[in-house]
Amino acid sequence: MPEVIYNTEEGLQKLKDELEQLRTVERPMIARMLSEARAQGDLTENAEYAAAKELQAMLETKIAKLEDVIARSRIIDESRIDTSTVRILNRVKIRNKVNNVIMEYQLVPESEANLKLGKIAVSSPIAQGLIGRKVGEVVEIKVPSGTIPFEIVSISL
C-alpha cells in the first residue's frame, strides 16, 4: 500500500500549482521545441531534437511524480493539533544546553521544509528527537557534529 503523505492545505495547493504550470506551460513549450527541431530535417544527427526529447522525458517524469504525491496526500487538520506535546505543525522553541542559544522551528511535512523560514521536516533528526516530548523536557539529539542536549522551552501553533 502506498505511503500517505501529509500536507497542509497551503503545501498541497503549491504542489497542484506546480503541476498545473508543468502541464500548461512547460509541456507546450517542449512540444514547440520538438516541432521546430523536427522541421530541420534528419533527426538522426539533430542535437536540438535529442535535447528536446530528453527535456520531454524529464518533464514527464516530474509530472508523474507530482501526480503520485498529490494522489497520496492528505491534508492535516490544523484545528485538531494539540500543543501539550510536540507534533507535526507545532512551533517549538528549544534551548541548546551547551551554548544556551534558543532556536525556534516549525515541524512540517518534507515537501514544505525550508530551513531559512525555520521550517524543518518532521523526518529530520531534530524533529524526530522532539516529537512526543513536553515543555521542560531535555532531549539529547544526535546531529552530524555529535549529540547535543536541547531543552524544550515552548510549544505553540
N, C-alpha and C. Protein backbone atom coordinates (compact mmCIF):
# COMPACT_ATOMS: atom_id res chain seq x y z
N MET A 1 0.85 -1.19 0.00
CA MET A 1 0.00 0.00 0.00
C MET A 1 0.88 1.24 0.00
N PRO A 2 0.58 2.21 -0.87
CA PRO A 2 1.42 3.41 -0.95
C PRO A 2 1.36 4.21 0.36
N GLU A 3 2.49 4.81 0.68
CA GLU A 3 2.60 5.60 1.89
C GLU A 3 1.83 6.92 1.75
N VAL A 4 1.08 7.29 2.80
CA VAL A 4 0.33 8.54 2.80
C VAL A 4 1.31 9.68 3.07
N ILE A 5 1.10 10.78 2.38
CA ILE A 5 1.94 11.97 2.57
C ILE A 5 1.06 13.06 3.17
N TYR A 6 1.47 13.59 4.31
CA TYR A 6 0.67 14.63 4.97
C TYR A 6 1.15 16.00 4.54
N ASN A 7 0.19 16.86 4.22
CA ASN A 7 0.48 18.23 3.79
C ASN A 7 -0.50 19.18 4.44
N THR A 8 -0.09 20.44 4.52
CA THR A 8 -1.04 21.48 4.90
C THR A 8 -1.81 21.83 3.64
N GLU A 9 -2.91 22.55 3.81
CA GLU A 9 -3.69 22.98 2.64
C GLU A 9 -2.82 23.83 1.71
N GLU A 10 -2.03 24.72 2.31
CA GLU A 10 -1.13 25.60 1.54
C GLU A 10 -0.09 24.79 0.77
N GLY A 11 0.49 23.80 1.43
CA GLY A 11 1.50 22.96 0.78
C GLY A 11 0.95 22.16 -0.37
N LEU A 12 -0.26 21.60 -0.19
CA LEU A 12 -0.89 20.83 -1.26
C LEU A 12 -1.24 21.73 -2.44
N GLN A 13 -1.68 22.95 -2.14
CA GLN A 13 -2.01 23.89 -3.22
C GLN A 13 -0.77 24.26 -4.02
N LYS A 14 0.37 24.41 -3.36
CA LYS A 14 1.62 24.70 -4.07
C LYS A 14 1.97 23.57 -5.02
N LEU A 15 1.79 22.33 -4.57
CA LEU A 15 2.06 21.18 -5.43
C LEU A 15 1.13 21.17 -6.64
N LYS A 16 -0.15 21.46 -6.41
CA LYS A 16 -1.12 21.49 -7.51
C LYS A 16 -0.80 22.61 -8.49
N ASP A 17 -0.38 23.77 -7.97
CA ASP A 17 0.00 24.90 -8.84
C ASP A 17 1.22 24.54 -9.69
N GLU A 18 2.19 23.89 -9.07
CA GLU A 18 3.39 23.47 -9.81
C GLU A 18 3.02 22.49 -10.92
N LEU A 19 2.15 21.53 -10.61
CA LEU A 19 1.70 20.55 -11.61
C LEU A 19 1.00 21.25 -12.76
N GLU A 20 0.15 22.21 -12.44
CA GLU A 20 -0.57 22.96 -13.48
C GLU A 20 0.40 23.72 -14.37
N GLN A 21 1.42 24.32 -13.77
CA GLN A 21 2.46 25.05 -14.52
C GLN A 21 3.17 24.11 -15.49
N LEU A 22 3.53 22.93 -15.00
CA LEU A 22 4.23 21.97 -15.86
C LEU A 22 3.36 21.51 -17.02
N ARG A 23 2.09 21.27 -16.73
CA ARG A 23 1.18 20.79 -17.77
C ARG A 23 0.82 21.86 -18.79
N THR A 24 0.56 23.08 -18.34
CA THR A 24 0.04 24.11 -19.25
C THR A 24 1.10 25.01 -19.86
N VAL A 25 2.27 25.11 -19.26
CA VAL A 25 3.31 26.00 -19.78
C VAL A 25 4.51 25.21 -20.30
N GLU A 26 5.08 24.38 -19.44
CA GLU A 26 6.30 23.65 -19.81
C GLU A 26 6.06 22.63 -20.92
N ARG A 27 4.99 21.83 -20.79
CA ARG A 27 4.71 20.78 -21.77
C ARG A 27 4.52 21.37 -23.18
N PRO A 28 3.68 22.42 -23.36
CA PRO A 28 3.53 23.01 -24.70
C PRO A 28 4.84 23.62 -25.24
N MET A 29 5.65 24.19 -24.34
CA MET A 29 6.91 24.78 -24.76
C MET A 29 7.84 23.69 -25.33
N ILE A 30 7.91 22.56 -24.67
CA ILE A 30 8.76 21.46 -25.14
C ILE A 30 8.20 20.88 -26.44
N ALA A 31 6.88 20.83 -26.55
CA ALA A 31 6.26 20.35 -27.79
C ALA A 31 6.65 21.26 -28.96
N ARG A 32 6.69 22.57 -28.73
CA ARG A 32 7.12 23.52 -29.78
C ARG A 32 8.58 23.29 -30.15
N MET A 33 9.40 23.07 -29.12
CA MET A 33 10.83 22.81 -29.38
C MET A 33 11.00 21.56 -30.23
N LEU A 34 10.24 20.50 -29.91
CA LEU A 34 10.31 19.26 -30.70
C LEU A 34 9.85 19.51 -32.14
N SER A 35 8.80 20.27 -32.28
CA SER A 35 8.26 20.56 -33.61
C SER A 35 9.27 21.33 -34.46
N GLU A 36 9.91 22.33 -33.85
CA GLU A 36 10.90 23.13 -34.57
C GLU A 36 12.12 22.27 -34.95
N ALA A 37 12.54 21.41 -34.04
CA ALA A 37 13.69 20.55 -34.32
C ALA A 37 13.36 19.54 -35.42
N ARG A 38 12.13 19.02 -35.39
CA ARG A 38 11.68 18.07 -36.41
C ARG A 38 11.66 18.72 -37.79
N ALA A 39 11.33 19.99 -37.82
CA ALA A 39 11.24 20.72 -39.09
C ALA A 39 12.60 20.90 -39.75
N GLN A 40 13.67 20.70 -39.01
CA GLN A 40 15.01 20.88 -39.57
C GLN A 40 15.46 19.70 -40.41
N GLY A 41 14.67 18.63 -40.43
CA GLY A 41 15.02 17.51 -41.30
C GLY A 41 15.50 16.29 -40.55
N ASP A 42 16.62 15.73 -40.98
CA ASP A 42 17.17 14.47 -40.48
C ASP A 42 17.27 14.48 -38.95
N LEU A 43 16.56 13.56 -38.29
CA LEU A 43 16.52 13.51 -36.83
C LEU A 43 17.67 12.70 -36.24
N THR A 44 18.36 11.89 -37.04
CA THR A 44 19.42 11.03 -36.50
C THR A 44 20.62 11.83 -36.00
N GLU A 45 20.91 12.96 -36.60
CA GLU A 45 22.05 13.77 -36.16
C GLU A 45 21.61 15.17 -35.73
N ASN A 46 20.41 15.26 -35.19
CA ASN A 46 19.85 16.55 -34.80
C ASN A 46 19.97 16.69 -33.27
N ALA A 47 20.96 17.47 -32.83
CA ALA A 47 21.22 17.64 -31.40
C ALA A 47 20.06 18.36 -30.71
N GLU A 48 19.44 19.31 -31.40
CA GLU A 48 18.32 20.04 -30.80
C GLU A 48 17.15 19.10 -30.54
N TYR A 49 16.90 18.19 -31.45
CA TYR A 49 15.81 17.24 -31.29
C TYR A 49 16.12 16.30 -30.11
N ALA A 50 17.34 15.81 -30.02
CA ALA A 50 17.73 14.92 -28.93
C ALA A 50 17.60 15.62 -27.58
N ALA A 51 18.02 16.88 -27.53
CA ALA A 51 17.92 17.64 -26.28
C ALA A 51 16.47 17.86 -25.89
N ALA A 52 15.62 18.18 -26.86
CA ALA A 52 14.21 18.41 -26.58
C ALA A 52 13.54 17.11 -26.12
N LYS A 53 13.91 15.97 -26.72
CA LYS A 53 13.35 14.68 -26.30
C LYS A 53 13.76 14.37 -24.85
N GLU A 54 15.00 14.69 -24.52
CA GLU A 54 15.48 14.46 -23.16
C GLU A 54 14.72 15.35 -22.17
N LEU A 55 14.52 16.62 -22.52
CA LEU A 55 13.75 17.53 -21.68
C LEU A 55 12.32 17.02 -21.50
N GLN A 56 11.74 16.52 -22.58
CA GLN A 56 10.39 15.99 -22.53
C GLN A 56 10.31 14.80 -21.56
N ALA A 57 11.28 13.91 -21.62
CA ALA A 57 11.29 12.74 -20.74
C ALA A 57 11.41 13.17 -19.27
N MET A 58 12.28 14.13 -18.99
CA MET A 58 12.46 14.61 -17.62
C MET A 58 11.17 15.28 -17.12
N LEU A 59 10.54 16.07 -17.99
CA LEU A 59 9.30 16.75 -17.62
C LEU A 59 8.20 15.75 -17.30
N GLU A 60 8.05 14.74 -18.15
CA GLU A 60 7.00 13.75 -17.94
C GLU A 60 7.25 12.96 -16.65
N THR A 61 8.50 12.71 -16.33
CA THR A 61 8.84 12.03 -15.07
C THR A 61 8.44 12.91 -13.88
N LYS A 62 8.76 14.19 -13.97
CA LYS A 62 8.43 15.12 -12.89
C LYS A 62 6.92 15.24 -12.72
N ILE A 63 6.18 15.30 -13.83
CA ILE A 63 4.72 15.37 -13.77
C ILE A 63 4.16 14.11 -13.11
N ALA A 64 4.67 12.94 -13.49
CA ALA A 64 4.19 11.68 -12.91
C ALA A 64 4.46 11.63 -11.40
N LYS A 65 5.63 12.10 -10.97
CA LYS A 65 5.95 12.10 -9.54
C LYS A 65 5.02 13.03 -8.77
N LEU A 66 4.78 14.23 -9.33
CA LEU A 66 3.88 15.18 -8.67
C LEU A 66 2.46 14.62 -8.59
N GLU A 67 1.99 13.99 -9.67
CA GLU A 67 0.65 13.40 -9.66
C GLU A 67 0.56 12.33 -8.57
N ASP A 68 1.61 11.54 -8.41
CA ASP A 68 1.63 10.49 -7.39
C ASP A 68 1.59 11.10 -5.99
N VAL A 69 2.40 12.13 -5.76
CA VAL A 69 2.43 12.78 -4.44
C VAL A 69 1.07 13.39 -4.12
N ILE A 70 0.47 14.06 -5.08
CA ILE A 70 -0.84 14.68 -4.86
C ILE A 70 -1.90 13.61 -4.58
N ALA A 71 -1.85 12.52 -5.30
CA ALA A 71 -2.82 11.44 -5.10
C ALA A 71 -2.71 10.82 -3.71
N ARG A 72 -1.48 10.75 -3.17
CA ARG A 72 -1.27 10.13 -1.85
C ARG A 72 -1.36 11.13 -0.71
N SER A 73 -1.54 12.42 -1.02
CA SER A 73 -1.55 13.46 0.01
C SER A 73 -2.85 13.50 0.80
N ARG A 74 -2.70 13.78 2.07
CA ARG A 74 -3.83 14.00 2.96
C ARG A 74 -3.57 15.32 3.67
N ILE A 75 -4.62 16.12 3.80
CA ILE A 75 -4.48 17.44 4.44
C ILE A 75 -4.56 17.28 5.96
N ILE A 76 -3.65 17.93 6.64
CA ILE A 76 -3.62 17.89 8.10
C ILE A 76 -4.61 18.93 8.62
N ASP A 77 -5.50 18.52 9.52
CA ASP A 77 -6.49 19.42 10.11
C ASP A 77 -5.81 20.18 11.24
N GLU A 78 -5.45 21.43 10.97
CA GLU A 78 -4.70 22.23 11.94
C GLU A 78 -5.50 22.54 13.19
N SER A 79 -6.83 22.51 13.11
CA SER A 79 -7.67 22.82 14.27
C SER A 79 -7.61 21.71 15.32
N ARG A 80 -7.15 20.53 14.94
CA ARG A 80 -7.12 19.40 15.87
C ARG A 80 -5.72 19.13 16.42
N ILE A 81 -4.81 20.05 16.20
CA ILE A 81 -3.44 19.84 16.65
C ILE A 81 -3.30 20.26 18.11
N ASP A 82 -2.75 19.37 18.90
CA ASP A 82 -2.56 19.56 20.33
C ASP A 82 -1.17 20.17 20.57
N THR A 83 -1.06 21.03 21.58
CA THR A 83 0.25 21.62 21.88
C THR A 83 0.78 21.14 23.24
N SER A 84 0.20 20.08 23.78
CA SER A 84 0.72 19.57 25.06
C SER A 84 2.01 18.80 24.84
N THR A 85 2.15 18.21 23.65
CA THR A 85 3.40 17.56 23.27
C THR A 85 3.77 18.01 21.86
N VAL A 86 5.01 17.83 21.48
CA VAL A 86 5.48 18.24 20.16
C VAL A 86 4.89 17.32 19.10
N ARG A 87 4.28 17.92 18.08
CA ARG A 87 3.69 17.18 16.96
C ARG A 87 3.92 17.95 15.67
N ILE A 88 3.55 17.33 14.56
CA ILE A 88 3.69 17.99 13.27
C ILE A 88 2.89 19.30 13.26
N LEU A 89 3.41 20.31 12.64
CA LEU A 89 2.90 21.68 12.51
C LEU A 89 3.07 22.53 13.76
N ASN A 90 3.58 21.97 14.85
CA ASN A 90 3.85 22.78 16.04
C ASN A 90 5.08 23.64 15.82
N ARG A 91 5.07 24.81 16.44
CA ARG A 91 6.27 25.65 16.54
C ARG A 91 6.90 25.29 17.88
N VAL A 92 8.19 25.00 17.85
CA VAL A 92 8.88 24.57 19.06
C VAL A 92 10.09 25.45 19.29
N LYS A 93 10.16 26.02 20.49
CA LYS A 93 11.36 26.76 20.89
C LYS A 93 12.20 25.82 21.72
N ILE A 94 13.46 25.69 21.32
CA ILE A 94 14.37 24.82 22.06
C ILE A 94 15.63 25.60 22.44
N ARG A 95 16.21 25.23 23.58
CA ARG A 95 17.44 25.87 24.04
C ARG A 95 18.56 24.84 23.99
N ASN A 96 19.63 25.20 23.29
CA ASN A 96 20.81 24.35 23.26
C ASN A 96 21.46 24.47 24.63
N LYS A 97 21.53 23.37 25.36
CA LYS A 97 22.05 23.39 26.73
C LYS A 97 23.56 23.60 26.78
N VAL A 98 24.24 23.43 25.65
CA VAL A 98 25.70 23.60 25.62
C VAL A 98 26.06 25.08 25.52
N ASN A 99 25.43 25.79 24.57
CA ASN A 99 25.80 27.20 24.37
C ASN A 99 24.67 28.17 24.71
N ASN A 100 23.55 27.67 25.23
CA ASN A 100 22.41 28.47 25.68
C ASN A 100 21.70 29.25 24.56
N VAL A 101 21.89 28.86 23.32
CA VAL A 101 21.22 29.52 22.20
C VAL A 101 19.80 28.97 22.07
N ILE A 102 18.84 29.89 21.88
CA ILE A 102 17.45 29.48 21.68
C ILE A 102 17.12 29.52 20.20
N MET A 103 16.51 28.44 19.72
CA MET A 103 16.11 28.34 18.31
C MET A 103 14.62 28.02 18.27
N GLU A 104 13.97 28.45 17.18
CA GLU A 104 12.55 28.12 17.01
C GLU A 104 12.36 27.48 15.65
N TYR A 105 11.67 26.35 15.65
CA TYR A 105 11.39 25.63 14.41
C TYR A 105 9.92 25.27 14.35
N GLN A 106 9.42 25.15 13.13
CA GLN A 106 8.10 24.57 12.92
C GLN A 106 8.31 23.23 12.25
N LEU A 107 7.66 22.19 12.76
CA LEU A 107 7.78 20.86 12.19
C LEU A 107 6.75 20.71 11.09
N VAL A 108 7.20 20.48 9.87
CA VAL A 108 6.32 20.44 8.70
C VAL A 108 6.58 19.17 7.89
N PRO A 109 5.66 18.84 6.97
CA PRO A 109 5.91 17.71 6.07
C PRO A 109 7.16 17.97 5.23
N GLU A 110 7.79 16.91 4.74
CA GLU A 110 9.03 17.01 3.99
C GLU A 110 8.93 17.99 2.82
N SER A 111 7.79 17.99 2.15
CA SER A 111 7.62 18.83 0.96
C SER A 111 7.57 20.31 1.28
N GLU A 112 7.37 20.67 2.54
CA GLU A 112 7.26 22.07 2.92
C GLU A 112 8.47 22.58 3.72
N ALA A 113 9.45 21.73 3.93
CA ALA A 113 10.62 22.11 4.72
C ALA A 113 11.40 23.23 4.05
N ASN A 114 11.81 24.21 4.86
CA ASN A 114 12.59 25.35 4.39
C ASN A 114 13.32 25.93 5.59
N LEU A 115 14.58 25.57 5.75
CA LEU A 115 15.33 25.97 6.93
C LEU A 115 15.44 27.48 7.07
N LYS A 116 15.50 28.20 5.95
CA LYS A 116 15.58 29.67 6.00
C LYS A 116 14.36 30.27 6.69
N LEU A 117 13.21 29.59 6.56
CA LEU A 117 11.97 30.06 7.18
C LEU A 117 11.72 29.39 8.53
N GLY A 118 12.68 28.59 8.99
CA GLY A 118 12.55 27.92 10.27
C GLY A 118 11.62 26.72 10.22
N LYS A 119 11.40 26.17 9.05
CA LYS A 119 10.53 25.01 8.89
C LYS A 119 11.40 23.78 8.62
N ILE A 120 11.36 22.83 9.57
CA ILE A 120 12.17 21.62 9.40
C ILE A 120 11.25 20.42 9.15
N ALA A 121 11.75 19.50 8.36
CA ALA A 121 10.98 18.30 8.02
C ALA A 121 10.77 17.44 9.25
N VAL A 122 9.58 16.91 9.37
CA VAL A 122 9.22 16.07 10.50
C VAL A 122 10.11 14.83 10.56
N SER A 123 10.74 14.48 9.45
CA SER A 123 11.61 13.30 9.41
C SER A 123 13.07 13.64 9.76
N SER A 124 13.39 14.91 9.99
CA SER A 124 14.76 15.30 10.31
C SER A 124 15.13 14.80 11.71
N PRO A 125 16.44 14.62 11.97
CA PRO A 125 16.86 14.13 13.29
C PRO A 125 16.37 14.99 14.45
N ILE A 126 16.41 16.32 14.29
CA ILE A 126 15.96 17.20 15.38
C ILE A 126 14.47 17.00 15.63
N ALA A 127 13.67 17.00 14.56
CA ALA A 127 12.22 16.82 14.72
C ALA A 127 11.91 15.46 15.33
N GLN A 128 12.58 14.42 14.85
CA GLN A 128 12.34 13.07 15.38
C GLN A 128 12.64 13.01 16.88
N GLY A 129 13.68 13.74 17.30
CA GLY A 129 14.03 13.75 18.72
C GLY A 129 13.04 14.53 19.57
N LEU A 130 12.32 15.48 18.95
CA LEU A 130 11.39 16.32 19.70
C LEU A 130 9.96 15.77 19.76
N ILE A 131 9.55 15.01 18.75
CA ILE A 131 8.17 14.55 18.66
C ILE A 131 7.77 13.74 19.90
N GLY A 132 6.62 14.11 20.45
CA GLY A 132 6.08 13.43 21.62
C GLY A 132 6.59 13.96 22.94
N ARG A 133 7.50 14.89 22.91
CA ARG A 133 8.08 15.45 24.15
C ARG A 133 7.27 16.65 24.63
N LYS A 134 7.47 17.03 25.91
CA LYS A 134 6.72 18.11 26.53
C LYS A 134 7.64 19.27 26.90
N VAL A 135 7.03 20.42 27.18
CA VAL A 135 7.77 21.61 27.61
C VAL A 135 8.53 21.27 28.89
N GLY A 136 9.79 21.70 28.93
CA GLY A 136 10.64 21.46 30.10
C GLY A 136 11.52 20.23 29.98
N GLU A 137 11.18 19.32 29.09
CA GLU A 137 11.99 18.12 28.91
C GLU A 137 13.31 18.46 28.24
N VAL A 138 14.35 17.72 28.61
CA VAL A 138 15.64 17.85 27.97
C VAL A 138 15.83 16.61 27.10
N VAL A 139 16.13 16.86 25.84
CA VAL A 139 16.25 15.79 24.86
C VAL A 139 17.65 15.80 24.28
N GLU A 140 18.29 14.64 24.24
CA GLU A 140 19.61 14.54 23.61
C GLU A 140 19.39 14.12 22.16
N ILE A 141 19.82 14.98 21.24
CA ILE A 141 19.59 14.72 19.82
C ILE A 141 20.93 14.56 19.11
N LYS A 142 21.03 13.47 18.35
CA LYS A 142 22.25 13.20 17.60
C LYS A 142 22.20 13.99 16.29
N VAL A 143 23.17 14.86 16.11
CA VAL A 143 23.32 15.66 14.90
C VAL A 143 24.69 15.35 14.31
N PRO A 144 24.96 15.80 13.07
CA PRO A 144 26.26 15.47 12.45
C PRO A 144 27.48 15.82 13.31
N SER A 145 27.37 16.87 14.11
CA SER A 145 28.53 17.28 14.92
C SER A 145 28.61 16.56 16.27
N GLY A 146 27.67 15.68 16.54
CA GLY A 146 27.68 14.94 17.80
C GLY A 146 26.30 14.92 18.43
N THR A 147 26.24 14.63 19.72
CA THR A 147 24.97 14.61 20.44
C THR A 147 24.86 15.89 21.26
N ILE A 148 23.72 16.59 21.09
CA ILE A 148 23.52 17.87 21.76
C ILE A 148 22.26 17.79 22.62
N PRO A 149 22.34 18.24 23.89
CA PRO A 149 21.13 18.29 24.72
C PRO A 149 20.34 19.57 24.43
N PHE A 150 19.04 19.41 24.21
CA PHE A 150 18.16 20.55 23.98
C PHE A 150 17.04 20.52 25.02
N GLU A 151 16.68 21.69 25.54
CA GLU A 151 15.54 21.81 26.44
C GLU A 151 14.39 22.41 25.64
N ILE A 152 13.20 21.82 25.78
CA ILE A 152 12.03 22.34 25.09
C ILE A 152 11.49 23.50 25.93
N VAL A 153 11.54 24.71 25.34
CA VAL A 153 11.13 25.93 26.04
C VAL A 153 9.63 26.17 25.88
N SER A 154 9.11 26.02 24.65
CA SER A 154 7.68 26.23 24.43
C SER A 154 7.21 25.47 23.19
N ILE A 155 5.89 25.20 23.18
CA ILE A 155 5.25 24.55 22.05
C ILE A 155 4.01 25.38 21.70
N SER A 156 3.88 25.76 20.44
CA SER A 156 2.73 26.55 20.03
C SER A 156 2.33 26.18 18.60
N LEU A 157 1.25 26.81 18.12
CA LEU A 157 0.83 26.58 16.73
C LEU A 157 1.37 27.65 15.82
